[in-house]
Amino acid sequence: MTPSWSEMTRAFGKIGVLSFGGPAAQIALMHTELVERRKWLDEDGFLRGLGFCTLLPGPEAMQLATYAGWRLRGTAGGLLAGLLFVVPGAVVMMALAALYLSYGRLPVVEAAFLGVKAAALAIVAGALWKLRAKALRGPLSMAVAAGAFAALFLLNLPFWLVLGIAIIVGLMQPHSANSPPVSPPQDARTLRTIAIWLAIWWLPLLALLVLAPHSVPAQAGLFFSWLATVSFGGAYAVLAALAQNAVEVQGWLSAEQMIDGLGLAETTPGPLILVTVFTGWLGGAQGGVALATALVTLWATFAPCFLWIFAGAPHLERLTAAPRLRGALDMVSAAVAGVIANLSLWFAIHVLFRQVADGGFGPPVPIWSSLDPGALALAGFAFGWLLILKRNLLETLILSAVLGAGMHLI
């Protein structure tokens, strides 16, 4: 069944507004809404799309939303889904950046955000449990997921290496050659799609470079376009490059402000890479062009995502019809479970503990004496409210934020 545009808008609008908690929670929310509740996508199609988006540069959850919209209503559907996933969080992030510059850190707001982050732990736990049942089908996939988690969390190996090993494992497995033929997409159409989206992405930026080549918005457009092209592994994988350029090279903000921006991005809806919008706002504010720089940053960060999806998605069905390539994508899906487990544990450590030591080449080490009882209590409430009592997600987020603010005031 093809959903109507109003149904699409309601579904993806809900996903965009409630997409707290990073990629694990966002993927779980999309699975609940699109596969379980509305049955617009089947299980295999959703997991293939997830594996495909994980291989692309940029935020996998945003690209998964775009891919889902494309599957349902073509290019227009992908645009609608992708924009609804990004725009709510981008608007919130710009508002928070403006408030941050005007008032600095507001303790009561930080306390409310702590409640939201604690609730996100419950969302992530539910996501992992569902993903375990869906993506881990047999001892091999479970071993790949466990290996991916250990490689990322314990050994701090590069994301691309982990996925590369998963692909090799999938390609080496014996597969049945009986697969239905799939008509390949037309090469001319793919080339036309690439040309159109390259123009959409770069023409505004080139015009800006011609008119104001030394301005902060022009420099932001160049840097964030580069970052969007190399950002394999999600936001955490490119934070070092982002921080080095924004803090040390450009001087757009301080290291402390960069950390604050990351904290704000973790507690707003949408992908964590929206920290780039915060960075662009603070960088542009120095020259009185905060809004312009933030908008250019948003454009340069997310316009490439539509290019990757609209050019690559038509080829996915043909590629996964080949037994060995489908096996490789299945192993990528299994590795994604380990990737999400790694992100989830990292997130939990940083929410529940006030101080975390850098593990160097190993995992982050929480300072046990810095355990935050308030965060632990809020997380316990969210677990019970959402996962045991099965209450509404929005209700859980609101109550957790109110409780967090209330605990601070008391």
Protein backbone atom coordinates (compact mmCIF):
# COMPACT_ATOMS: atom_id res chain seq x y z
CA MET A 1 0.00 0.00 0.00
CA THR A 2 1.33 3.42 -0.98
CA PRO A 3 0.70 5.94 1.82
CA SER A 4 -0.85 9.32 1.04
CA TRP A 5 1.18 12.49 1.34
CA SER A 6 -0.69 13.48 4.49
CA GLU A 7 0.06 10.08 6.05
CA MET A 8 3.71 10.43 5.06
CA THR A 9 3.88 13.91 6.57
CA ARG A 10 2.35 12.77 9.85
CA ALA A 11 4.56 9.68 10.13
CA PHE A 12 7.89 11.27 9.25
CA GLY A 13 7.00 14.47 11.09
CA LYS A 14 6.47 12.39 14.23
CA ILE A 15 9.79 10.62 13.66
CA GLY A 16 11.58 13.95 13.18
CA VAL A 17 10.14 15.53 16.33
CA LEU A 18 10.71 12.47 18.56
CA SER A 19 14.10 11.38 17.20
CA PHE A 20 16.05 11.83 20.43
CA GLY A 21 18.83 9.59 21.65
CA GLY A 22 21.16 9.23 18.67
CA PRO A 23 21.09 6.71 15.82
CA ALA A 24 20.16 3.67 17.93
CA ALA A 25 16.98 5.25 19.23
CA GLN A 26 16.18 6.89 15.89
CA ILE A 27 16.50 3.63 13.96
CA ALA A 28 14.29 1.90 16.53
CA LEU A 29 11.67 4.63 16.23
CA MET A 30 11.63 4.31 12.44
CA HIS A 31 11.34 0.53 12.69
CA THR A 32 8.40 0.86 15.07
CA GLU A 33 6.59 3.42 12.94
CA LEU A 34 7.33 2.13 9.42
CA VAL A 35 7.64 -1.64 9.84
CA GLU A 36 5.71 -2.68 12.94
CA ARG A 37 2.91 -0.13 13.20
CA ARG A 38 2.18 1.05 9.66
CA LYS A 39 3.69 -1.92 7.77
CA TRP A 40 4.86 0.34 4.94
CA LEU A 41 8.20 -1.50 4.73
CA ASP A 42 8.96 -5.18 5.29
CA GLU A 43 11.65 -6.40 7.65
CA ASP A 44 14.17 -7.41 4.98
CA GLY A 45 13.77 -4.17 3.04
CA PHE A 46 14.29 -2.11 6.20
CA LEU A 47 17.45 -4.01 7.20
CA ARG A 48 18.88 -3.85 3.67
CA GLY A 49 18.29 -0.11 3.66
CA LEU A 50 19.96 0.20 7.06
CA GLY A 51 23.01 -1.72 5.89
CA PHE A 52 23.22 0.40 2.73
CA CYS A 53 22.97 3.68 4.65
CA THR A 54 25.64 2.55 7.12
CA LEU A 55 28.10 2.26 4.24
CA LEU A 56 27.52 5.87 3.16
CA PRO A 57 29.19 8.99 4.53
CA GLY A 58 26.94 11.10 6.71
CA PRO A 59 24.31 10.38 9.37
CA GLU A 60 22.90 6.89 8.76
CA ALA A 61 19.58 7.54 10.53
CA MET A 62 18.79 10.61 8.41
CA GLN A 63 19.74 8.71 5.27
CA LEU A 64 17.63 5.74 6.35
CA ALA A 65 14.63 8.07 6.70
CA THR A 66 15.36 9.46 3.22
CA TYR A 67 15.72 5.95 1.80
CA ALA A 68 12.41 4.89 3.39
CA GLY A 69 10.65 7.92 1.92
CA TRP A 70 12.19 7.15 -1.48
CA ARG A 71 10.97 3.54 -1.31
CA LEU A 72 7.45 4.74 -0.53
CA ARG A 73 7.00 7.76 -2.84
CA GLY A 74 10.13 8.16 -4.97
CA THR A 75 12.35 11.25 -4.94
CA ALA A 76 9.65 13.55 -3.57
CA GLY A 77 8.98 11.08 -0.77
CA GLY A 78 12.68 10.90 0.05
CA LEU A 79 12.92 14.68 0.17
CA LEU A 80 9.90 14.92 2.46
CA ALA A 81 11.17 12.24 4.83
CA GLY A 82 14.73 13.54 4.94
CA LEU A 83 13.71 17.16 5.53
CA LEU A 84 11.21 16.24 8.24
CA PHE A 85 13.94 14.28 9.98
CA VAL A 86 16.44 17.15 9.95
CA VAL A 87 14.53 20.43 10.05
CA PRO A 88 12.92 20.17 13.54
CA GLY A 89 16.25 19.46 15.21
CA ALA A 90 18.01 22.14 13.14
CA VAL A 91 15.49 24.78 14.22
CA VAL A 92 15.85 23.74 17.86
CA MET A 93 19.65 23.76 17.59
CA MET A 94 19.71 27.28 16.13
CA ALA A 95 17.42 28.52 18.90
CA LEU A 96 19.59 26.87 21.55
CA ALA A 97 22.75 28.32 20.01
CA ALA A 98 21.24 31.82 20.12
CA LEU A 99 20.17 31.34 23.76
CA TYR A 100 23.57 29.92 24.62
CA LEU A 101 25.35 33.00 23.29
CA SER A 102 22.96 35.30 25.13
CA TYR A 103 22.70 33.55 28.49
CA GLY A 104 25.40 30.88 28.59
CA ARG A 105 24.63 27.69 30.45
CA LEU A 106 21.22 27.68 32.14
CA PRO A 107 21.30 25.13 35.00
CA VAL A 108 17.57 24.40 34.93
CA VAL A 109 17.68 23.80 31.16
CA GLU A 110 20.70 21.52 31.59
CA ALA A 111 18.79 19.59 34.25
CA ALA A 112 15.80 19.18 31.92
CA PHE A 113 18.13 17.97 29.16
CA LEU A 114 19.60 15.45 31.61
CA GLY A 115 16.10 14.01 31.97
CA VAL A 116 15.80 13.74 28.19
CA LYS A 117 19.19 12.02 27.93
CA ALA A 118 18.24 9.58 30.69
CA ALA A 119 15.03 8.76 28.81
CA ALA A 120 17.10 8.21 25.68
CA LEU A 121 18.92 5.40 27.50
CA ALA A 122 15.62 3.54 27.76
CA ILE A 123 14.89 4.18 24.09
CA VAL A 124 18.30 2.82 23.13
CA ALA A 125 17.87 -0.28 25.31
CA GLY A 126 14.59 -1.06 23.58
CA ALA A 127 16.21 -0.49 20.21
CA LEU A 128 19.03 -2.92 20.91
CA TRP A 129 16.62 -5.59 22.09
CA LYS A 130 14.54 -5.30 18.91
CA LEU A 131 17.59 -5.17 16.66
CA ARG A 132 18.99 -8.27 18.33
CA ALA A 133 15.96 -10.25 17.22
CA LYS A 134 15.82 -8.78 13.71
CA ALA A 135 19.43 -8.50 12.52
CA LEU A 136 21.16 -11.38 14.34
CA ARG A 137 20.07 -14.50 12.53
CA GLY A 138 22.40 -17.31 13.47
CA PRO A 139 25.78 -17.83 15.17
CA LEU A 140 27.81 -16.09 12.45
CA SER A 141 25.85 -12.84 12.54
CA MET A 142 25.99 -12.87 16.36
CA ALA A 143 29.76 -13.36 16.21
CA VAL A 144 30.12 -10.48 13.73
CA ALA A 145 28.04 -8.20 15.98
CA ALA A 146 30.06 -9.14 19.06
CA GLY A 147 33.32 -8.67 17.15
CA ALA A 148 32.23 -5.25 15.88
CA PHE A 149 31.37 -4.14 19.40
CA ALA A 150 34.69 -5.36 20.81
CA ALA A 151 36.67 -3.81 17.96
CA LEU A 152 35.04 -0.40 18.39
CA PHE A 153 34.55 -0.15 22.15
CA LEU A 154 37.48 -2.14 23.54
CA LEU A 155 40.11 -1.75 20.82
CA ASN A 156 39.01 1.62 19.35
CA LEU A 157 39.55 0.34 15.79
CA PRO A 158 38.44 2.50 12.84
CA PHE A 159 34.80 2.21 11.80
CA TRP A 160 35.68 1.58 8.14
CA LEU A 161 37.93 -1.34 9.11
CA VAL A 162 35.16 -2.99 11.12
CA LEU A 163 32.67 -2.71 8.25
CA GLY A 164 35.29 -3.87 5.76
CA ILE A 165 35.90 -7.05 7.74
CA ALA A 166 32.12 -7.66 7.98
CA ILE A 167 31.82 -7.31 4.19
CA ILE A 168 34.67 -9.77 3.61
CA VAL A 169 33.09 -12.29 5.98
CA GLY A 170 29.78 -12.00 4.11
CA LEU A 171 31.41 -12.37 0.70
CA MET A 172 33.24 -15.53 1.79
CA GLN A 173 30.12 -17.38 2.88
CA PRO A 174 28.53 -19.98 0.54
CA HIS A 175 25.20 -18.81 -0.87
CA SER A 176 22.51 -20.23 -3.05
CA ALA A 177 22.68 -19.02 -6.64
CA ASN A 178 18.90 -19.05 -7.01
CA SER A 179 17.94 -15.39 -6.98
CA PRO A 180 15.25 -13.73 -9.07
CA PRO A 181 16.64 -11.41 -11.77
CA VAL A 182 16.32 -7.70 -11.14
CA SER A 183 16.38 -5.15 -13.93
CA PRO A 184 19.28 -2.71 -13.46
CA PRO A 185 18.46 1.00 -13.35
CA GLN A 186 19.34 3.01 -16.42
CA ASP A 187 22.85 4.45 -16.34
CA ALA A 188 21.68 7.66 -18.00
CA ARG A 189 19.13 8.24 -15.24
CA THR A 190 21.75 7.66 -12.54
CA LEU A 191 24.15 10.11 -14.20
CA ARG A 192 21.37 12.66 -14.52
CA THR A 193 20.53 12.25 -10.81
CA ILE A 194 24.17 12.76 -9.85
CA ALA A 195 24.46 15.86 -12.06
CA ILE A 196 21.26 17.39 -10.66
CA TRP A 197 22.22 16.86 -7.03
CA LEU A 198 25.79 17.99 -7.51
CA ALA A 199 24.38 21.21 -8.96
CA ILE A 200 21.88 21.59 -6.10
CA TRP A 201 24.67 21.03 -3.58
CA TRP A 202 27.42 23.17 -5.11
CA LEU A 203 25.87 26.01 -7.15
CA PRO A 204 24.76 28.04 -4.08
CA LEU A 205 28.14 27.44 -2.44
CA LEU A 206 30.07 28.44 -5.56
CA ALA A 207 27.99 31.61 -5.83
CA LEU A 208 28.84 32.40 -2.21
CA LEU A 209 32.54 31.76 -2.85
CA VAL A 210 32.48 34.16 -5.82
CA LEU A 211 30.58 36.91 -4.00
CA ALA A 212 32.23 36.65 -0.57
CA PRO A 213 35.19 34.27 -0.77
CA HIS A 214 36.73 35.20 2.59
CA SER A 215 33.51 35.31 4.61
CA VAL A 216 32.75 32.87 7.42
CA PRO A 217 29.72 31.38 5.55
CA ALA A 218 31.88 30.67 2.48
CA GLN A 219 34.59 29.00 4.56
CA ALA A 220 31.96 27.02 6.44
CA GLY A 221 30.43 25.84 3.15
CA LEU A 222 33.77 24.48 1.97
CA PHE A 223 34.72 22.83 5.24
CA PHE A 224 31.37 21.18 5.98
CA SER A 225 31.03 19.96 2.39
CA TRP A 226 34.39 18.23 2.81
CA LEU A 227 33.33 16.86 6.19
CA ALA A 228 30.06 15.48 4.75
CA THR A 229 32.04 13.60 2.10
CA VAL A 230 34.45 11.90 4.50
CA SER A 231 32.21 11.40 7.54
CA PHE A 232 32.02 7.61 7.49
CA GLY A 233 31.01 6.17 10.83
CA GLY A 234 28.63 8.88 11.98
CA ALA A 235 29.17 12.00 14.04
CA TYR A 236 31.48 10.51 16.68
CA ALA A 237 33.92 9.41 13.97
CA VAL A 238 34.39 12.98 12.66
CA LEU A 239 34.24 14.96 15.90
CA ALA A 240 38.02 15.15 16.11
CA ALA A 241 38.30 16.72 12.65
CA LEU A 242 35.38 19.05 13.39
CA ALA A 243 36.82 20.17 16.72
CA GLN A 244 40.33 20.64 15.34
CA ASN A 245 39.20 22.85 12.46
CA ALA A 246 36.50 24.81 14.30
CA VAL A 247 38.50 25.37 17.50
CA GLU A 248 42.19 25.33 16.56
CA VAL A 249 42.24 26.41 12.91
CA GLN A 250 39.24 28.74 12.44
CA GLY A 251 38.78 29.88 16.04
CA TRP A 252 35.01 29.83 15.66
CA LEU A 253 34.48 28.66 19.26
CA SER A 254 36.40 27.41 22.28
CA ALA A 255 36.95 23.77 23.23
CA GLU A 256 34.50 24.18 26.14
CA GLN A 257 31.87 25.60 23.80
CA MET A 258 32.45 22.68 21.43
CA ILE A 259 31.74 20.24 24.24
CA ASP A 260 28.62 22.19 25.21
CA GLY A 261 27.44 22.06 21.58
CA LEU A 262 27.85 18.30 21.52
CA GLY A 263 25.81 18.05 24.70
CA LEU A 264 23.04 20.15 23.17
CA ALA A 265 23.08 18.03 20.00
CA GLU A 266 22.69 14.87 22.07
CA THR A 267 19.52 16.21 23.69
CA THR A 268 17.75 17.63 20.63
CA PRO A 269 15.82 15.67 18.01
CA GLY A 270 17.58 14.75 14.80
CA PRO A 271 21.07 13.46 14.02
CA LEU A 272 23.97 14.20 16.34
CA ILE A 273 25.84 15.79 13.42
CA LEU A 274 23.58 18.82 13.99
CA VAL A 275 26.41 19.91 16.27
CA THR A 276 27.78 21.39 13.04
CA VAL A 277 24.88 23.87 13.04
CA PHE A 278 25.79 24.97 16.56
CA THR A 279 29.40 25.35 15.43
CA GLY A 280 28.36 27.38 12.38
CA TRP A 281 26.12 29.65 14.46
CA LEU A 282 28.85 30.49 16.97
CA GLY A 283 31.43 30.95 14.21
CA GLY A 284 29.17 33.27 12.24
CA ALA A 285 28.17 35.24 15.33
CA GLN A 286 31.67 36.71 15.49
CA GLY A 287 31.01 38.57 12.25
CA GLY A 288 27.28 39.17 12.73
CA VAL A 289 26.31 36.44 10.26
CA ALA A 290 25.25 33.70 12.68
CA LEU A 291 22.03 32.72 10.90
CA ALA A 292 23.61 32.79 7.43
CA THR A 293 26.54 30.64 8.53
CA ALA A 294 24.28 28.15 10.29
CA LEU A 295 22.09 27.82 7.19
CA VAL A 296 25.11 27.33 4.92
CA THR A 297 26.43 24.73 7.35
CA LEU A 298 23.09 22.94 7.34
CA TRP A 299 23.04 22.95 3.53
CA ALA A 300 26.61 21.69 3.15
CA THR A 301 26.09 18.97 5.76
CA PHE A 302 22.84 17.46 4.47
CA ALA A 303 22.54 18.21 0.73
CA PRO A 304 25.13 15.48 -0.02
CA CYS A 305 22.99 12.94 1.85
CA PHE A 306 20.24 13.27 -0.76
CA LEU A 307 22.81 12.77 -3.52
CA TRP A 308 24.10 9.51 -2.00
CA ILE A 309 20.59 8.10 -1.50
CA PHE A 310 18.95 9.13 -4.78
CA ALA A 311 21.95 8.00 -6.85
CA GLY A 312 22.62 4.76 -4.98
CA ALA A 313 19.25 3.47 -3.79
CA PRO A 314 17.97 2.43 -7.27
CA HIS A 315 20.93 0.03 -7.49
CA LEU A 316 20.35 -1.58 -4.09
CA GLU A 317 17.75 -4.14 -5.19
CA ARG A 318 19.97 -5.31 -8.05
CA LEU A 319 23.04 -5.57 -5.85
CA THR A 320 21.29 -7.48 -3.10
CA ALA A 321 19.84 -9.91 -5.65
CA ALA A 322 23.40 -11.20 -6.11
CA PRO A 323 23.81 -13.88 -3.41
CA ARG A 324 27.28 -12.93 -2.25
CA LEU A 325 26.58 -9.21 -2.18
CA ARG A 326 23.41 -9.81 -0.23
CA GLY A 327 25.42 -11.92 2.21
CA ALA A 328 27.87 -9.05 2.59
CA LEU A 329 25.05 -6.62 3.33
CA ASP A 330 23.58 -9.08 5.86
CA MET A 331 26.92 -9.11 7.69
CA VAL A 332 27.01 -5.30 7.58
CA SER A 333 23.56 -5.30 9.23
CA ALA A 334 24.92 -7.64 11.91
CA ALA A 335 27.94 -5.36 12.43
CA VAL A 336 25.57 -2.41 12.76
CA ALA A 337 24.12 -4.08 15.86
CA GLY A 338 27.62 -4.02 17.37
CA VAL A 339 28.13 -0.42 16.24
CA ILE A 340 24.88 0.63 17.93
CA ALA A 341 25.82 -1.28 21.09
CA ASN A 342 29.11 0.62 21.14
CA LEU A 343 27.40 3.99 20.74
CA SER A 344 24.81 3.06 23.35
CA LEU A 345 27.37 2.13 25.99
CA TRP A 346 29.41 5.26 25.23
CA PHE A 347 26.26 7.35 25.60
CA ALA A 348 25.24 5.61 28.85
CA ILE A 349 28.66 6.14 30.44
CA HIS A 350 28.62 9.85 29.63
CA VAL A 351 25.05 10.31 30.89
CA LEU A 352 25.38 8.43 34.18
CA PHE A 353 28.84 9.65 35.20
CA ARG A 354 29.94 13.24 35.67
CA GLN A 355 33.59 12.37 34.97
CA VAL A 356 34.92 9.97 32.35
CA ALA A 357 38.62 9.31 31.81
CA ASP A 358 40.00 8.99 28.31
CA GLY A 359 40.82 5.35 27.72
CA GLY A 360 43.48 6.14 25.10
CA PHE A 361 43.46 3.17 22.75
CA GLY A 362 40.90 1.44 24.98
CA PRO A 363 37.35 2.22 26.09
CA PRO A 364 36.35 5.32 28.06
CA VAL A 365 36.69 4.67 31.80
CA PRO A 366 34.01 6.09 34.10
CA ILE A 367 35.13 7.58 37.42
CA TRP A 368 32.90 5.51 39.67
CA SER A 369 32.83 8.10 42.43
CA SER A 370 31.29 10.56 39.94
CA LEU A 371 28.14 8.47 39.41
CA ASP A 372 25.19 10.88 39.14
CA PRO A 373 22.35 9.59 41.38
CA GLY A 374 19.89 11.95 39.72
CA ALA A 375 20.69 10.66 36.24
CA LEU A 376 20.46 7.07 37.50
CA ALA A 377 17.06 7.75 39.07
CA LEU A 378 15.79 9.44 35.90
CA ALA A 379 17.02 6.55 33.78
CA GLY A 380 15.29 4.07 36.13
CA PHE A 381 12.03 6.02 35.81
CA ALA A 382 12.28 6.10 32.01
CA PHE A 383 13.02 2.37 31.82
CA GLY A 384 9.98 1.56 33.94
CA TRP A 385 7.66 4.05 32.26
CA LEU A 386 8.59 3.24 28.66
CA LEU A 387 9.69 -0.41 28.62
CA ILE A 388 7.75 -1.97 31.50
CA LEU A 389 4.55 0.07 31.55
CA LYS A 390 4.72 0.51 27.73
CA ARG A 391 3.76 4.19 27.90
CA ASN A 392 4.04 6.70 25.07
CA LEU A 393 7.50 7.88 23.96
CA LEU A 394 6.61 11.58 23.87
CA GLU A 395 5.02 11.30 27.31
CA THR A 396 8.18 9.64 28.64
CA LEU A 397 10.44 12.37 27.24
CA ILE A 398 8.30 15.19 28.62
CA LEU A 399 7.96 13.64 32.08
CA SER A 400 11.69 12.90 32.24
CA ALA A 401 12.52 16.51 31.31
CA VAL A 402 10.07 17.86 33.91
CA LEU A 403 11.45 15.53 36.58
CA GLY A 404 15.01 16.55 35.70
CA ALA A 405 14.17 20.24 36.02
CA GLY A 406 12.19 19.59 39.21
CA MET A 407 15.08 17.73 40.84
CA HIS A 408 17.33 20.71 40.13
CA LEU A 409 14.88 23.22 41.60
CA ILE A 410 14.35 21.12 44.72
